[in-house]
All heavy atoms as atom14 arrays in JSON, in Angstrom:
{
  "sequence": "IGGSLIGQAVVKTSGETFLNEVSGQTEYIPNGNIFIV",
  "atom14_mask": [
    [1, 1, 1, 1, 1, 1, 1, 1, 0, 0, 0, 0, 0, 0],
    [1, 1, 1, 1, 0, 0, 0, 0, 0, 0, 0, 0, 0, 0],
    [1, 1, 1, 1, 0, 0, 0, 0, 0, 0, 0, 0, 0, 0],
    [1, 1, 1, 1, 1, 1, 0, 0, 0, 0, 0, 0, 0, 0],
    [1, 1, 1, 1, 1, 1, 1, 1, 0, 0, 0, 0, 0, 0],
    [1, 1, 1, 1, 1, 1, 1, 1, 0, 0, 0, 0, 0, 0],
    [1, 1, 1, 1, 0, 0, 0, 0, 0, 0, 0, 0, 0, 0],
    [1, 1, 1, 1, 1, 1, 1, 1, 1, 0, 0, 0, 0, 0],
    [1, 1, 1, 1, 1, 0, 0, 0, 0, 0, 0, 0, 0, 0],
    [1, 1, 1, 1, 1, 1, 1, 0, 0, 0, 0, 0, 0, 0],
    [1, 1, 1, 1, 1, 1, 1, 0, 0, 0, 0, 0, 0, 0],
    [1, 1, 1, 1, 1, 1, 1, 1, 1, 0, 0, 0, 0, 0],
    [1, 1, 1, 1, 1, 1, 1, 0, 0, 0, 0, 0, 0, 0],
    [1, 1, 1, 1, 1, 1, 0, 0, 0, 0, 0, 0, 0, 0],
    [1, 1, 1, 1, 0, 0, 0, 0, 0, 0, 0, 0, 0, 0],
    [1, 1, 1, 1, 1, 1, 1, 1, 1, 0, 0, 0, 0, 0],
    [1, 1, 1, 1, 1, 1, 1, 0, 0, 0, 0, 0, 0, 0],
    [1, 1, 1, 1, 1, 1, 1, 1, 1, 1, 1, 0, 0, 0],
    [1, 1, 1, 1, 1, 1, 1, 1, 0, 0, 0, 0, 0, 0],
    [1, 1, 1, 1, 1, 1, 1, 1, 0, 0, 0, 0, 0, 0],
    [1, 1, 1, 1, 1, 1, 1, 1, 1, 0, 0, 0, 0, 0],
    [1, 1, 1, 1, 1, 1, 1, 0, 0, 0, 0, 0, 0, 0],
    [1, 1, 1, 1, 1, 1, 0, 0, 0, 0, 0, 0, 0, 0],
    [1, 1, 1, 1, 0, 0, 0, 0, 0, 0, 0, 0, 0, 0],
    [1, 1, 1, 1, 1, 1, 1, 1, 1, 0, 0, 0, 0, 0],
    [1, 1, 1, 1, 1, 1, 1, 0, 0, 0, 0, 0, 0, 0],
    [1, 1, 1, 1, 1, 1, 1, 1, 1, 0, 0, 0, 0, 0],
    [1, 1, 1, 1, 1, 1, 1, 1, 1, 1, 1, 1, 0, 0],
    [1, 1, 1, 1, 1, 1, 1, 1, 0, 0, 0, 0, 0, 0],
    [1, 1, 1, 1, 1, 1, 1, 0, 0, 0, 0, 0, 0, 0],
    [1, 1, 1, 1, 1, 1, 1, 1, 0, 0, 0, 0, 0, 0],
    [1, 1, 1, 1, 0, 0, 0, 0, 0, 0, 0, 0, 0, 0],
    [1, 1, 1, 1, 1, 1, 1, 1, 0, 0, 0, 0, 0, 0],
    [1, 1, 1, 1, 1, 1, 1, 1, 0, 0, 0, 0, 0, 0],
    [1, 1, 1, 1, 1, 1, 1, 1, 1, 1, 1, 0, 0, 0],
    [1, 1, 1, 1, 1, 1, 1, 1, 0, 0, 0, 0, 0, 0],
    [1, 1, 1, 1, 1, 1, 1, 0, 0, 0, 0, 0, 0, 0]
  ],
  "atom14_positions": [
    [[0.84, -1.2, 0.0], [0.0, 0.0, 0.0], [0.87, 1.25, 0.0], [0.73, 2.13, -0.86], [-0.95, -0.01, 1.21], [-1.99, -1.12, 1.08], [-1.65, 1.35, 1.34], [-2.9, -1.27, 2.28], [0.0, 0.0, 0.0], [0.0, 0.0, 0.0], [0.0, 0.0, 0.0], [0.0, 0.0, 0.0], [0.0, 0.0, 0.0], [0.0, 0.0, 0.0]],
    [[1.8, 1.32, 0.96], [2.66, 2.5, 1.05], [3.56, 2.67, -0.15], [3.66, 3.76, -0.73], [0.0, 0.0, 0.0], [0.0, 0.0, 0.0], [0.0, 0.0, 0.0], [0.0, 0.0, 0.0], [0.0, 0.0, 0.0], [0.0, 0.0, 0.0], [0.0, 0.0, 0.0], [0.0, 0.0, 0.0], [0.0, 0.0, 0.0], [0.0, 0.0, 0.0]],
    [[4.21, 1.57, -0.56], [5.15, 1.65, -1.69], [4.46, 1.96, -3.0], [4.97, 2.75, -3.81], [0.0, 0.0, 0.0], [0.0, 0.0, 0.0], [0.0, 0.0, 0.0], [0.0, 0.0, 0.0], [0.0, 0.0, 0.0], [0.0, 0.0, 0.0], [0.0, 0.0, 0.0], [0.0, 0.0, 0.0], [0.0, 0.0, 0.0], [0.0, 0.0, 0.0]],
    [[3.28, 1.36, -3.22], [2.58, 1.6, -4.49], [2.06, 3.03, -4.59], [2.13, 3.65, -5.67], [1.43, 0.61, -4.66], [0.45, 0.78, -3.65], [0.0, 0.0, 0.0], [0.0, 0.0, 0.0], [0.0, 0.0, 0.0], [0.0, 0.0, 0.0], [0.0, 0.0, 0.0], [0.0, 0.0, 0.0], [0.0, 0.0, 0.0], [0.0, 0.0, 0.0]],
    [[1.56, 3.57, -3.49], [1.08, 4.96, -3.51], [2.22, 5.94, -3.73], [2.09, 6.91, -4.5], [0.34, 5.27, -2.21], [-1.0, 4.56, -2.0], [-1.55, 4.83, -0.61], [-2.01, 4.99, -3.07], [0.0, 0.0, 0.0], [0.0, 0.0, 0.0], [0.0, 0.0, 0.0], [0.0, 0.0, 0.0], [0.0, 0.0, 0.0], [0.0, 0.0, 0.0]],
    [[3.35, 5.7, -3.07], [4.51, 6.57, -3.27], [5.03, 6.42, -4.69], [5.34, 7.41, -5.38], [5.62, 6.25, -2.25], [5.15, 6.55, -0.83], [6.89, 7.07, -2.56], [6.1, 6.07, 0.25], [0.0, 0.0, 0.0], [0.0, 0.0, 0.0], [0.0, 0.0, 0.0], [0.0, 0.0, 0.0], [0.0, 0.0, 0.0], [0.0, 0.0, 0.0]],
    [[5.13, 5.17, -5.15], [5.63, 4.92, -6.5], [4.75, 5.57, -7.56], [5.25, 6.17, -8.53], [0.0, 0.0, 0.0], [0.0, 0.0, 0.0], [0.0, 0.0, 0.0], [0.0, 0.0, 0.0], [0.0, 0.0, 0.0], [0.0, 0.0, 0.0], [0.0, 0.0, 0.0], [0.0, 0.0, 0.0], [0.0, 0.0, 0.0], [0.0, 0.0, 0.0]],
    [[3.44, 5.45, -7.4], [2.51, 6.08, -8.35], [2.72, 7.59, -8.38], [2.75, 8.21, -9.45], [1.07, 5.76, -7.97], [0.04, 6.47, -8.86], [-1.39, 6.22, -8.41], [-1.71, 5.14, -7.98], [-2.24, 7.22, -8.51], [0.0, 0.0, 0.0], [0.0, 0.0, 0.0], [0.0, 0.0, 0.0], [0.0, 0.0, 0.0], [0.0, 0.0, 0.0]],
    [[2.87, 8.19, -7.19], [3.07, 9.65, -7.12], [4.37, 10.05, -7.82], [4.41, 11.07, -8.53], [3.09, 10.1, -5.66], [0.0, 0.0, 0.0], [0.0, 0.0, 0.0], [0.0, 0.0, 0.0], [0.0, 0.0, 0.0], [0.0, 0.0, 0.0], [0.0, 0.0, 0.0], [0.0, 0.0, 0.0], [0.0, 0.0, 0.0], [0.0, 0.0, 0.0]],
    [[5.43, 9.25, -7.62], [6.71, 9.55, -8.25], [6.6, 9.47, -9.77], [7.07, 10.37, -10.49], [7.81, 8.58, -7.75], [9.1, 8.78, -8.53], [8.06, 8.79, -6.26], [0.0, 0.0, 0.0], [0.0, 0.0, 0.0], [0.0, 0.0, 0.0], [0.0, 0.0, 0.0], [0.0, 0.0, 0.0], [0.0, 0.0, 0.0], [0.0, 0.0, 0.0]],
    [[5.98, 8.41, -10.27], [5.86, 8.22, -11.72], [4.99, 9.32, -12.35], [5.31, 9.86, -13.42], [5.28, 6.83, -12.05], [5.0, 6.7, -13.55], [6.24, 5.74, -11.6], [0.0, 0.0, 0.0], [0.0, 0.0, 0.0], [0.0, 0.0, 0.0], [0.0, 0.0, 0.0], [0.0, 0.0, 0.0], [0.0, 0.0, 0.0], [0.0, 0.0, 0.0]],
    [[3.89, 9.66, -11.67], [2.97, 10.65, -12.25], [3.5, 12.08, -12.16], [3.18, 12.92, -13.02], [1.6, 10.56, -11.57], [0.74, 9.41, -12.07], [-0.71, 9.6, -11.69], [-1.61, 8.65, -12.46], [-3.04, 8.87, -12.2], [0.0, 0.0, 0.0], [0.0, 0.0, 0.0], [0.0, 0.0, 0.0], [0.0, 0.0, 0.0], [0.0, 0.0, 0.0]],
    [[4.29, 12.38, -11.14], [4.74, 13.77, -10.95], [6.13, 14.04, -11.51], [6.43, 15.17, -11.88], [4.72, 14.15, -9.46], [5.59, 13.27, -8.73], [3.32, 14.07, -8.9], [0.0, 0.0, 0.0], [0.0, 0.0, 0.0], [0.0, 0.0, 0.0], [0.0, 0.0, 0.0], [0.0, 0.0, 0.0], [0.0, 0.0, 0.0], [0.0, 0.0, 0.0]],
    [[6.99, 13.0, -11.57], [8.36, 13.26, -12.02], [8.85, 12.26, -13.06], [10.03, 12.24, -13.39], [9.33, 13.26, -10.82], [9.38, 11.98, -10.21], [0.0, 0.0, 0.0], [0.0, 0.0, 0.0], [0.0, 0.0, 0.0], [0.0, 0.0, 0.0], [0.0, 0.0, 0.0], [0.0, 0.0, 0.0], [0.0, 0.0, 0.0], [0.0, 0.0, 0.0]],
    [[7.94, 11.42, -13.58], [8.31, 10.5, -14.65], [8.15, 11.17, -16.0], [7.98, 12.39, -16.1], [0.0, 0.0, 0.0], [0.0, 0.0, 0.0], [0.0, 0.0, 0.0], [0.0, 0.0, 0.0], [0.0, 0.0, 0.0], [0.0, 0.0, 0.0], [0.0, 0.0, 0.0], [0.0, 0.0, 0.0], [0.0, 0.0, 0.0], [0.0, 0.0, 0.0]],
    [[8.22, 10.37, -17.06], [8.05, 10.89, -18.42], [6.57, 10.78, -18.79], [5.95, 9.72, -18.6], [8.89, 10.08, -19.4], [10.36, 9.94, -18.98], [11.08, 11.27, -18.91], [10.91, 12.08, -19.85], [11.8, 11.51, -17.92], [0.0, 0.0, 0.0], [0.0, 0.0, 0.0], [0.0, 0.0, 0.0], [0.0, 0.0, 0.0], [0.0, 0.0, 0.0]],
    [[5.99, 11.86, -19.3], [4.57, 11.9, -19.61], [4.35, 12.11, -21.1], [4.99, 12.96, -21.72], [3.88, 13.04, -18.83], [4.15, 12.88, -17.43], [2.38, 13.0, -19.05], [0.0, 0.0, 0.0], [0.0, 0.0, 0.0], [0.0, 0.0, 0.0], [0.0, 0.0, 0.0], [0.0, 0.0, 0.0], [0.0, 0.0, 0.0], [0.0, 0.0, 0.0]],
    [[3.43, 11.31, -21.68], [3.12, 11.41, -23.1], [1.61, 11.35, -23.29], [0.88, 10.79, -22.48], [3.76, 10.25, -23.88], [5.25, 10.15, -23.72], [5.8, 9.32, -22.73], [6.1, 10.88, -24.53], [7.17, 9.23, -22.57], [7.48, 10.79, -24.37], [8.01, 9.96, -23.4], [0.0, 0.0, 0.0], [0.0, 0.0, 0.0], [0.0, 0.0, 0.0]],
    [[1.14, 11.92, -24.4], [-0.27, 11.84, -24.76], [-0.43, 10.83, -25.9], [0.17, 10.98, -26.96], [-0.81, 13.2, -25.21], [-2.29, 13.21, -25.65], [-3.19, 12.85, -24.47], [-2.67, 14.56, -26.24], [0.0, 0.0, 0.0], [0.0, 0.0, 0.0], [0.0, 0.0, 0.0], [0.0, 0.0, 0.0], [0.0, 0.0, 0.0], [0.0, 0.0, 0.0]],
    [[-1.22, 9.79, -25.64], [-1.5, 8.79, -26.67], [-2.56, 9.37, -27.61], [-3.71, 9.55, -27.23], [-2.01, 7.49, -26.03], [-2.13, 6.36, -27.04], [-2.61, 6.54, -28.14], [-1.7, 5.17, -26.63], [0.0, 0.0, 0.0], [0.0, 0.0, 0.0], [0.0, 0.0, 0.0], [0.0, 0.0, 0.0], [0.0, 0.0, 0.0], [0.0, 0.0, 0.0]],
    [[-2.15, 9.68, -28.84], [-3.05, 10.35, -29.78], [-4.18, 9.44, -30.25], [-5.23, 9.92, -30.69], [-2.25, 10.85, -30.98], [-1.23, 11.92, -30.61], [-0.47, 12.43, -31.82], [-0.69, 11.89, -32.93], [0.36, 13.34, -31.65], [0.0, 0.0, 0.0], [0.0, 0.0, 0.0], [0.0, 0.0, 0.0], [0.0, 0.0, 0.0], [0.0, 0.0, 0.0]],
    [[-4.0, 8.13, -30.14], [-5.03, 7.18, -30.57], [-6.14, 7.07, -29.53], [-7.33, 7.22, -29.82], [-4.43, 5.79, -30.85], [-5.54, 4.81, -31.21], [-3.39, 5.88, -31.96], [0.0, 0.0, 0.0], [0.0, 0.0, 0.0], [0.0, 0.0, 0.0], [0.0, 0.0, 0.0], [0.0, 0.0, 0.0], [0.0, 0.0, 0.0], [0.0, 0.0, 0.0]],
    [[-5.73, 6.82, -28.27], [-6.72, 6.64, -27.2], [-7.1, 7.95, -26.51], [-8.12, 8.03, -25.84], [-6.18, 5.66, -26.15], [-5.04, 6.21, -25.49], [0.0, 0.0, 0.0], [0.0, 0.0, 0.0], [0.0, 0.0, 0.0], [0.0, 0.0, 0.0], [0.0, 0.0, 0.0], [0.0, 0.0, 0.0], [0.0, 0.0, 0.0], [0.0, 0.0, 0.0]],
    [[-6.23, 8.95, -26.65], [-6.47, 10.22, -25.97], [-6.09, 10.21, -24.51], [-6.34, 11.18, -23.78], [0.0, 0.0, 0.0], [0.0, 0.0, 0.0], [0.0, 0.0, 0.0], [0.0, 0.0, 0.0], [0.0, 0.0, 0.0], [0.0, 0.0, 0.0], [0.0, 0.0, 0.0], [0.0, 0.0, 0.0], [0.0, 0.0, 0.0], [0.0, 0.0, 0.0]],
    [[-5.47, 9.12, -24.05], [-5.1, 8.99, -22.64], [-3.66, 9.42, -22.41], [-2.81, 9.28, -23.29], [-5.3, 7.54, -22.17], [-6.74, 7.08, -22.2], [-6.87, 5.61, -21.82], [-5.92, 4.85, -21.92], [-8.06, 5.22, -21.38], [0.0, 0.0, 0.0], [0.0, 0.0, 0.0], [0.0, 0.0, 0.0], [0.0, 0.0, 0.0], [0.0, 0.0, 0.0]],
    [[-3.41, 9.94, -21.22], [-2.06, 10.31, -20.84], [-1.3, 9.07, -20.4], [-1.81, 8.26, -19.63], [-2.07, 11.33, -19.69], [-2.82, 12.48, -20.09], [-0.65, 11.76, -19.33], [0.0, 0.0, 0.0], [0.0, 0.0, 0.0], [0.0, 0.0, 0.0], [0.0, 0.0, 0.0], [0.0, 0.0, 0.0], [0.0, 0.0, 0.0], [0.0, 0.0, 0.0]],
    [[-0.08, 8.91, -20.87], [0.75, 7.76, -20.52], [1.9, 8.22, -19.63], [2.5, 9.27, -19.85], [1.29, 7.09, -21.79], [0.19, 6.54, -22.7], [0.75, 5.84, -23.92], [1.94, 6.06, -24.25], [0.0, 5.05, -24.54], [0.0, 0.0, 0.0], [0.0, 0.0, 0.0], [0.0, 0.0, 0.0], [0.0, 0.0, 0.0], [0.0, 0.0, 0.0]],
    [[2.18, 7.41, -18.62], [3.21, 7.74, -17.65], [4.31, 6.67, -17.67], [4.04, 5.49, -17.44], [2.61, 7.83, -16.24], [1.49, 8.85, -16.12], [0.16, 8.46, -16.3], [1.77, 10.18, -15.85], [-0.87, 9.39, -16.19], [0.74, 11.11, -15.74], [-0.57, 10.71, -15.91], [-1.6, 11.62, -15.8], [0.0, 0.0, 0.0], [0.0, 0.0, 0.0]],
    [[5.54, 7.1, -17.9], [6.67, 6.18, -17.99], [7.62, 6.43, -16.82], [8.07, 7.57, -16.62], [7.43, 6.35, -19.32], [6.47, 6.28, -20.51], [8.55, 5.32, -19.43], [5.73, 4.97, -20.64], [0.0, 0.0, 0.0], [0.0, 0.0, 0.0], [0.0, 0.0, 0.0], [0.0, 0.0, 0.0], [0.0, 0.0, 0.0], [0.0, 0.0, 0.0]],
    [[7.96, 5.42, -16.03], [8.87, 5.63, -14.89], [10.3, 5.9, -15.34], [10.77, 5.32, -16.32], [8.78, 4.3, -14.13], [8.36, 3.29, -15.16], [7.48, 4.03, -16.13], [0.0, 0.0, 0.0], [0.0, 0.0, 0.0], [0.0, 0.0, 0.0], [0.0, 0.0, 0.0], [0.0, 0.0, 0.0], [0.0, 0.0, 0.0], [0.0, 0.0, 0.0]],
    [[10.98, 6.78, -14.62], [12.41, 7.03, -14.88], [13.21, 6.76, -13.6], [12.7, 6.14, -12.66], [12.63, 8.46, -15.39], [12.1, 9.52, -14.43], [11.95, 9.27, -13.23], [11.81, 10.7, -14.94], [0.0, 0.0, 0.0], [0.0, 0.0, 0.0], [0.0, 0.0, 0.0], [0.0, 0.0, 0.0], [0.0, 0.0, 0.0], [0.0, 0.0, 0.0]],
    [[14.46, 7.21, -13.55], [15.34, 6.9, -12.44], [14.92, 7.45, -11.09], [15.47, 7.04, -10.05], [0.0, 0.0, 0.0], [0.0, 0.0, 0.0], [0.0, 0.0, 0.0], [0.0, 0.0, 0.0], [0.0, 0.0, 0.0], [0.0, 0.0, 0.0], [0.0, 0.0, 0.0], [0.0, 0.0, 0.0], [0.0, 0.0, 0.0], [0.0, 0.0, 0.0]],
    [[13.95, 8.34, -11.05], [13.5, 8.89, -9.77], [12.91, 7.83, -8.85], [12.88, 8.01, -7.63], [12.48, 10.0, -10.02], [13.1, 11.23, -10.64], [14.27, 11.53, -10.41], [12.33, 11.96, -11.45], [0.0, 0.0, 0.0], [0.0, 0.0, 0.0], [0.0, 0.0, 0.0], [0.0, 0.0, 0.0], [0.0, 0.0, 0.0], [0.0, 0.0, 0.0]],
    [[12.43, 6.73, -9.41], [11.89, 5.66, -8.56], [12.97, 5.08, -7.65], [12.7, 4.64, -6.53], [11.25, 4.53, -9.39], [12.23, 3.96, -10.41], [9.97, 5.02, -10.07], [11.71, 2.75, -11.18], [0.0, 0.0, 0.0], [0.0, 0.0, 0.0], [0.0, 0.0, 0.0], [0.0, 0.0, 0.0], [0.0, 0.0, 0.0], [0.0, 0.0, 0.0]],
    [[14.23, 5.12, -8.11], [15.33, 4.56, -7.32], [15.74, 5.49, -6.18], [15.98, 5.03, -5.06], [16.53, 4.26, -8.22], [16.23, 3.3, -9.33], [16.35, 3.67, -10.66], [15.8, 2.01, -9.05], [16.07, 2.78, -11.68], [15.5, 1.11, -10.06], [15.64, 1.5, -11.39], [0.0, 0.0, 0.0], [0.0, 0.0, 0.0], [0.0, 0.0, 0.0]],
    [[15.81, 6.78, -6.46], [16.26, 7.72, -5.43], [15.22, 7.86, -4.32], [15.56, 7.94, -3.13], [16.6, 9.1, -6.04], [17.46, 9.92, -5.07], [15.38, 9.87, -6.45], [18.85, 9.37, -4.85], [0.0, 0.0, 0.0], [0.0, 0.0, 0.0], [0.0, 0.0, 0.0], [0.0, 0.0, 0.0], [0.0, 0.0, 0.0], [0.0, 0.0, 0.0]],
    [[13.95, 7.85, -4.67], [12.89, 7.92, -3.66], [12.85, 6.62, -2.86], [12.71, 6.64, -1.63], [11.52, 8.22, -4.31], [10.41, 8.17, -3.26], [11.54, 9.58, -4.99], [0.0, 0.0, 0.0], [0.0, 0.0, 0.0], [0.0, 0.0, 0.0], [0.0, 0.0, 0.0], [0.0, 0.0, 0.0], [0.0, 0.0, 0.0], [0.0, 0.0, 0.0]]
  ]
}
């Protein structure tokens, strides 16, 4: 619970963000910040 909520926050706030033009949904890609947190 704790790790997933923190991990989700890290990916959504400081990961790589893209817009999928087909689905219209925002995509979130994890980067190295998951390791430092």
